Amino acid sequence: MRRLSLAAVVVITALAVPATPGAATTVQKIPIDIEVGLCNGGTVDLSGTLLDSVTTTATPSGGVIFAFHDNPQGITGVDPTTGTVFHATGLTREVDVFSPPGGATFTFVNRFHIQATGGAQSFIVNETLHATITPSGAVTVYFDKFSSTC
């Protein structure tokens, strides 16, 4: 359900898009400097760039499609205790479709991998979330499949 609060923001943004068919895309590189917990109980500072692509498309029927895609580019870090190098890989993708009568679908995919080198344990997060909402507001489909491994 935490993703559905983001969906509310997306709805407001989508309603601001003109009703004429067309698409607008922005692509930006975002500097990243984050601390991530490791499987061994330690932490590693990761830095690099996140490539962010956001597209908003108004459909001929009056609906709106909002999509974003993020993936790490050269995000790495070194465990200060062991010297193990870690690389951030994967993607985060969301596609939200809003129909003219008010129904919507939300699909979120996250593959967040902190890949270790030299045989150390990697931290892997996989999540797929989908929700379908009718124009009356009823949620007819909802699932959130989440897993993480160390």
Protein backbone atom coordinates (compact mmCIF):
# COMPACT_ATOMS: atom_id res chain seq x y z
CA MET A 1 0.00 0.00 0.00
CA ARG A 2 2.97 2.34 0.42
CA ARG A 3 3.13 2.59 -3.38
CA LEU A 4 -0.51 3.66 -3.56
CA SER A 5 0.35 6.90 -1.76
CA LEU A 6 2.80 7.61 -4.59
CA ALA A 7 -0.05 6.81 -6.95
CA ALA A 8 -2.04 9.71 -5.49
CA VAL A 9 0.80 12.07 -6.39
CA VAL A 10 0.94 10.54 -9.86
CA VAL A 11 -2.82 11.08 -10.32
CA ILE A 12 -2.48 14.77 -9.50
CA THR A 13 0.47 15.08 -11.86
CA ALA A 14 -1.34 13.18 -14.60
CA LEU A 15 -4.39 15.42 -14.36
CA ALA A 16 -2.19 18.43 -15.07
CA VAL A 17 -1.24 17.00 -18.49
CA PRO A 18 -3.10 18.45 -21.46
CA ALA A 19 -5.81 16.17 -22.91
CA THR A 20 -4.30 16.24 -26.40
CA PRO A 21 -2.45 13.09 -27.50
CA GLY A 22 1.29 13.25 -27.19
CA ALA A 23 4.22 12.40 -24.97
CA ALA A 24 6.74 14.32 -22.93
CA THR A 25 9.93 12.69 -21.72
CA THR A 26 12.62 13.98 -19.43
CA VAL A 27 15.93 12.23 -18.90
CA GLN A 28 18.37 13.27 -16.22
CA LYS A 29 21.40 11.96 -14.43
CA ILE A 30 21.08 12.21 -10.66
CA PRO A 31 24.18 12.05 -8.45
CA ILE A 32 23.78 9.39 -5.74
CA ASP A 33 25.62 9.10 -2.44
CA ILE A 34 23.88 6.68 -0.07
CA GLU A 35 24.75 4.38 2.80
CA VAL A 36 23.47 0.80 2.43
CA GLY A 37 23.35 -1.96 5.05
CA LEU A 38 25.27 -5.09 4.11
CA CYS A 39 24.53 -8.74 4.77
CA ASN A 40 27.48 -8.95 7.19
CA GLY A 41 25.95 -6.25 9.40
CA GLY A 42 28.25 -3.50 8.15
CA THR A 43 27.49 -0.59 5.84
CA VAL A 44 28.95 0.67 2.62
CA ASP A 45 28.79 4.15 1.10
CA LEU A 46 27.72 3.91 -2.54
CA SER A 47 28.16 6.76 -4.99
CA GLY A 48 27.69 7.26 -8.69
CA THR A 49 24.89 8.31 -11.00
CA LEU A 50 21.26 7.26 -11.33
CA LEU A 51 19.87 7.56 -14.86
CA ASP A 52 16.25 8.73 -14.54
CA SER A 53 13.74 8.75 -17.41
CA VAL A 54 10.17 10.01 -16.92
CA THR A 55 7.48 9.95 -19.60
CA THR A 56 3.96 11.32 -19.48
CA THR A 57 1.67 10.47 -22.39
CA ALA A 58 -1.84 11.78 -23.01
CA THR A 59 -3.84 9.20 -24.97
CA PRO A 60 -6.34 10.02 -27.75
CA SER A 61 -9.17 8.73 -25.54
CA GLY A 62 -8.37 11.27 -22.82
CA GLY A 63 -6.39 8.98 -20.55
CA VAL A 64 -2.86 9.43 -19.31
CA ILE A 65 0.10 7.07 -19.05
CA PHE A 66 2.87 7.93 -16.61
CA ALA A 67 6.10 5.93 -16.62
CA PHE A 68 9.49 6.20 -15.03
CA HIS A 69 12.61 4.09 -15.35
CA ASP A 70 15.69 4.44 -13.16
CA ASN A 71 18.91 2.50 -13.31
CA PRO A 72 22.29 2.91 -11.62
CA GLN A 73 25.27 3.94 -13.69
CA GLY A 74 28.67 3.37 -12.15
CA ILE A 75 27.39 3.31 -8.58
CA THR A 76 30.06 1.61 -6.46
CA GLY A 77 31.40 1.50 -2.94
CA VAL A 78 34.00 -0.26 -0.81
CA ASP A 79 33.32 -1.97 2.51
CA PRO A 80 35.74 -0.16 4.87
CA THR A 81 36.15 -3.27 7.04
CA THR A 82 36.78 -5.97 4.42
CA GLY A 83 37.80 -3.96 1.36
CA THR A 84 35.11 -5.70 -0.71
CA VAL A 85 33.95 -3.68 -3.71
CA PHE A 86 30.19 -3.46 -4.28
CA HIS A 87 28.37 -2.42 -7.47
CA ALA A 88 24.75 -1.23 -7.57
CA THR A 89 22.89 -2.79 -10.48
CA GLY A 90 19.28 -3.33 -11.46
CA LEU A 91 16.35 -1.10 -12.28
CA THR A 92 13.27 0.54 -10.88
CA ARG A 93 10.33 0.91 -13.23
CA GLU A 94 6.75 2.07 -12.82
CA VAL A 95 3.93 2.39 -15.34
CA ASP A 96 0.62 3.94 -14.30
CA VAL A 97 -2.34 4.08 -16.69
CA PHE A 98 -5.31 6.34 -16.00
CA SER A 99 -8.47 5.82 -18.06
CA PRO A 100 -10.92 8.63 -18.90
CA PRO A 101 -13.75 7.20 -16.75
CA GLY A 102 -11.42 7.19 -13.73
CA GLY A 103 -10.05 3.66 -13.52
CA ALA A 104 -6.33 3.04 -13.23
CA THR A 105 -3.61 0.41 -13.16
CA PHE A 106 -0.30 0.69 -11.36
CA THR A 107 2.66 -1.57 -12.01
CA PHE A 108 5.93 -1.22 -10.08
CA VAL A 109 9.04 -3.35 -10.61
CA ASN A 110 12.18 -2.97 -8.50
CA ARG A 111 15.33 -5.03 -8.96
CA PHE A 112 17.85 -3.53 -6.52
CA HIS A 113 21.13 -5.41 -6.37
CA ILE A 114 24.19 -4.52 -4.33
CA GLN A 115 26.51 -6.95 -6.05
CA ALA A 116 29.62 -7.98 -4.11
CA THR A 117 32.93 -8.90 -5.67
CA GLY A 118 35.45 -11.48 -4.51
CA GLY A 119 32.88 -14.01 -3.29
CA ALA A 120 31.33 -11.81 -0.58
CA GLN A 121 27.57 -11.87 -0.03
CA SER A 122 25.44 -9.67 -2.26
CA PHE A 123 22.26 -7.90 -1.16
CA ILE A 124 19.41 -8.50 -3.61
CA VAL A 125 15.91 -6.98 -3.46
CA ASN A 126 13.17 -7.97 -5.91
CA GLU A 127 9.68 -6.50 -5.86
CA THR A 128 6.78 -6.56 -8.28
CA LEU A 129 3.61 -4.71 -7.34
CA HIS A 130 0.44 -4.36 -9.39
CA ALA A 131 -2.95 -2.81 -8.64
CA THR A 132 -6.03 -2.34 -10.77
CA ILE A 133 -8.65 0.15 -9.62
CA THR A 134 -12.10 0.54 -11.19
CA PRO A 135 -13.68 3.94 -11.89
CA SER A 136 -15.78 3.47 -8.72
CA GLY A 137 -12.57 3.12 -6.68
CA ALA A 138 -12.76 -0.64 -6.06
CA VAL A 139 -9.43 -2.43 -6.05
CA THR A 140 -10.01 -5.52 -8.23
CA VAL A 141 -6.40 -6.71 -8.43
CA TYR A 142 -3.63 -6.18 -5.94
CA PHE A 143 -0.43 -8.06 -5.34
CA ASP A 144 2.96 -7.15 -3.98
CA LYS A 145 5.57 -9.86 -4.37
CA PHE A 146 8.68 -8.93 -2.40
CA SER A 147 11.85 -10.87 -1.67
CA SER A 148 15.32 -10.07 -0.48
CA THR A 149 18.38 -12.25 -0.02
CA CYS A 150 21.75 -11.98 1.57
